[in-house]
Protein backbone atom coordinates (compact mmCIF):
# COMPACT_ATOMS: atom_id res chain seq x y z
CA ALA A 1 0.07 0.24 0.11
CA LYS A 2 2.99 2.33 0.93
CA LEU A 3 4.92 1.65 -2.79
CA VAL A 4 1.08 2.39 -4.38
CA ALA A 5 0.49 5.69 -2.09
CA TYR A 6 4.04 6.97 -3.53
CA HIS A 7 3.23 6.08 -6.98
CA GLU A 8 0.26 7.63 -6.95
CA ALA A 9 1.45 10.94 -5.02
CA GLY A 10 4.21 10.85 -7.43
CA HIS A 11 1.83 12.02 -10.33
CA THR A 12 -0.10 13.99 -8.14
CA LEU A 13 2.97 16.25 -7.20
CA ALA A 14 4.08 16.61 -10.81
CA THR A 15 0.62 17.40 -11.91
CA LYS A 16 0.10 20.36 -9.55
CA LEU A 17 3.61 21.36 -9.68
CA LEU A 18 4.87 20.98 -13.64
CA THR A 19 1.42 21.81 -15.10
CA ASN A 20 -1.52 23.80 -15.01
CA ASP A 21 -3.85 20.92 -15.22
CA GLY A 22 -6.23 19.76 -11.82
CA VAL A 23 -6.24 16.84 -9.76
CA PRO A 24 -9.86 16.56 -8.55
CA THR A 25 -9.15 13.20 -6.92
CA VAL A 26 -6.10 10.90 -6.11
CA THR A 27 -7.05 7.53 -4.40
CA ILE A 28 -4.99 4.47 -3.26
CA ILE A 29 -7.83 2.01 -3.74
CA GLN A 30 -7.77 -0.57 -5.85
CA SER A 31 -9.60 -0.31 -9.10
CA THR A 32 -11.84 -2.79 -10.66
CA SER A 33 -8.96 -2.44 -13.35
CA GLY A 34 -6.40 -3.95 -11.18
CA ALA A 35 -4.40 -0.44 -11.16
CA GLY A 36 -3.22 -0.27 -7.51
CA GLY A 37 -4.54 3.18 -7.37
CA VAL A 38 -5.65 6.45 -9.63
CA THR A 39 -4.96 9.95 -9.90
CA PHE A 40 -7.79 11.73 -11.70
CA ARG A 41 -6.22 14.67 -14.16
CA ALA A 42 -7.87 17.40 -15.29
CA PRO A 43 -6.36 18.66 -18.27
CA GLU A 44 -6.01 22.53 -18.99
CA ASP A 45 -8.28 23.48 -20.98
CA VAL A 46 -6.12 24.81 -24.26
CA PRO A 47 -6.53 23.53 -27.93
CA LEU A 48 -2.96 23.54 -28.37
CA LYS A 49 -0.01 21.94 -26.02
CA SER A 50 3.51 23.44 -25.94
CA LYS A 51 6.67 21.51 -26.38
CA LYS A 52 7.08 22.52 -22.84
CA TYR A 53 3.41 20.92 -21.52
CA LEU A 54 4.36 17.54 -23.41
CA ARG A 55 7.47 17.15 -21.58
CA SER A 56 5.81 18.57 -18.44
CA LEU A 57 3.22 15.54 -19.11
CA ILE A 58 5.73 13.00 -20.19
CA LYS A 59 7.54 13.61 -16.40
CA VAL A 60 3.92 13.35 -14.87
CA MET A 61 3.58 10.01 -16.75
CA TYR A 62 7.45 8.88 -15.27
CA ALA A 63 6.74 10.58 -11.72
CA GLY A 64 4.89 6.97 -10.49
CA ARG A 65 7.80 4.88 -11.02
CA ALA A 66 10.26 7.80 -9.77
CA ALA A 67 8.77 7.97 -6.99
CA GLU A 68 8.98 4.16 -6.24
CA GLU A 69 12.15 4.36 -6.77
CA ILE A 70 13.12 7.27 -4.49
CA LEU A 71 11.17 5.36 -1.80
CA LEU A 72 12.61 2.13 -2.18
CA GLU A 73 16.10 3.65 -2.72
CA SER A 74 17.03 1.13 -5.37
CA ASP A 75 15.39 0.31 -9.19
CA GLU A 76 15.83 -3.08 -7.93
CA ASP A 77 12.11 -3.77 -6.25
CA ILE A 78 10.03 -1.28 -8.75
CA THR A 79 7.01 -2.95 -9.67
CA THR A 80 4.66 -3.02 -12.81
CA GLY A 81 2.38 -0.86 -11.91
CA ALA A 82 4.09 1.85 -14.41
CA SER A 83 3.78 0.02 -17.38
CA GLU A 84 0.50 2.18 -18.44
CA ASP A 85 2.13 4.94 -17.61
CA ILE A 86 5.14 4.09 -19.81
CA LYS A 87 2.67 3.42 -22.65
CA GLN A 88 0.83 6.90 -22.35
CA ALA A 89 4.94 8.55 -21.90
CA THR A 90 6.03 6.45 -25.36
CA GLU A 91 2.90 7.64 -27.09
CA ILE A 92 3.66 11.18 -26.42
CA ILE A 93 6.99 11.25 -27.40
CA LYS A 94 6.57 9.79 -30.40
CA GLN A 95 3.64 12.25 -30.99
CA TYR A 96 6.24 15.00 -30.10
CA ILE A 97 8.91 13.86 -32.46
CA ALA A 98 7.37 11.77 -35.03
CA ILE A 99 4.07 14.18 -35.57
CA TYR A 100 4.49 17.81 -34.19
CA GLY A 101 8.00 18.02 -35.63
CA MET A 102 9.81 18.72 -31.91
CA GLY A 103 12.39 16.80 -32.28
CA ASN A 104 15.92 16.99 -33.33
CA ARG A 105 14.77 15.98 -36.96
CA GLY A 106 12.95 18.96 -37.14
CA MET A 107 9.99 19.73 -38.90
CA ILE A 108 8.87 16.42 -40.36
CA ASP A 109 6.07 13.94 -40.07
CA LEU A 110 8.52 11.08 -39.70
CA THR A 111 4.96 8.86 -39.68
CA GLN A 112 4.90 9.52 -43.56
CA LEU A 113 8.72 8.18 -44.23
CA THR A 114 8.44 4.53 -44.05
CA ASN A 115 11.29 3.51 -41.87
CA GLN A 116 10.36 5.31 -38.53
CA PHE A 117 13.08 3.10 -36.29
CA ASP A 118 15.70 5.57 -36.68
CA MET A 119 14.33 7.55 -34.28
CA ILE A 120 14.31 4.85 -31.52
CA GLU A 121 17.61 6.26 -30.38
CA GLU A 122 16.04 9.86 -29.72
CA ALA A 123 13.06 8.72 -28.27
CA SER A 124 15.20 6.45 -25.79
CA ASN A 125 17.54 9.60 -25.05
CA MET A 126 14.45 12.20 -24.49
CA ALA A 127 12.85 9.17 -22.10
CA GLY A 128 16.22 8.77 -20.16
CA GLU A 129 16.48 12.63 -19.68
CA LEU A 130 13.24 13.52 -18.84
CA TYR A 131 13.29 10.56 -16.38
CA LYS A 132 16.24 11.88 -14.85
CA GLU A 133 14.63 15.09 -14.81
CA THR A 134 11.77 13.75 -12.89
CA LEU A 135 13.65 12.16 -10.42
CA GLU A 136 15.86 15.02 -9.36
CA PHE A 137 12.34 17.49 -9.44
CA LEU A 138 10.79 14.17 -6.60
CA LYS A 139 14.14 14.66 -4.66
CA ASN A 140 14.01 17.98 -4.80
CA ASN A 141 10.37 18.04 -3.35
CA ARG A 142 10.91 14.70 -0.93
CA GLY A 143 8.62 16.67 1.75
CA LYS A 144 5.81 17.51 -0.04
CA LEU A 145 5.92 13.68 -1.47
CA ASP A 146 6.35 12.42 1.83
CA ARG A 147 3.03 14.27 2.90
CA LEU A 148 0.82 13.42 0.17
CA SER A 149 1.81 9.45 0.43
CA CYS A 150 1.18 9.62 4.29
CA ALA A 151 -2.05 11.63 3.81
CA LEU A 152 -3.02 9.07 1.21
CA LEU A 153 -2.15 5.87 3.34
CA ASP A 154 -3.92 7.62 6.01
CA LYS A 155 -7.43 8.51 4.12
CA GLU A 156 -7.10 6.35 0.80
CA THR A 157 -8.75 9.18 -1.05
CA LEU A 158 -7.77 12.74 -1.20
CA GLU A 159 -9.74 15.58 -3.41
CA GLU A 160 -8.43 18.58 -4.81
CA PRO A 161 -8.54 21.34 -2.15
CA GLU A 162 -6.57 19.12 0.34
CA ILE A 163 -4.09 17.96 -1.94
CA ASP A 164 -3.61 22.00 -2.63
CA ARG A 165 -3.23 22.43 1.30
CA LEU A 166 -0.74 19.29 1.85
CA ILE A 167 1.63 20.92 -0.98
CA SER A 168 1.47 24.40 -0.05
CA GLU A 169 2.15 23.39 3.31
CA LYS A 170 5.64 24.67 4.86
CA GLU A 171 8.40 22.43 5.54
CA LYS A 172 8.43 21.80 9.70
CA LEU A 173 12.05 23.16 10.37
CA THR A 174 14.40 20.42 11.60
CA GLY A 175 17.28 21.44 13.59
């Protein structure tokens, strides 16, 4: 349960601090689909997505797994819970590079070309770089991550006002 709480807290924190998207609800109650928990995102209502937003969205997807890694202090015990997140992140990376012309190849729709495999290296590098940035982001916000996780373990479900309160709470000074 603790792992699931960190996973969902990671998604929630990244959504709230890296994007303007809302998080109406986050829960660690097991869903019927078998997912350990769910972070409901309310995407900002804008017709066009910026390059920065897409990169942030990928970090939001990666934040679940990254939070697991931080909690466990190793990548040996991470779970398969992030498979759906990875799928979504990969789809965004593909669109970013291949369709929106935001990658190194410039203004070209790679999906119209026959061999798209030459974008695997670029996609993989982008994924690695964004995952590293996500880990750093969560480590820098460890207090907020811990607070959200504890609250989730305690209540199982959090609504947006409470999420905002937990994130904005000042760190208690130790010393």
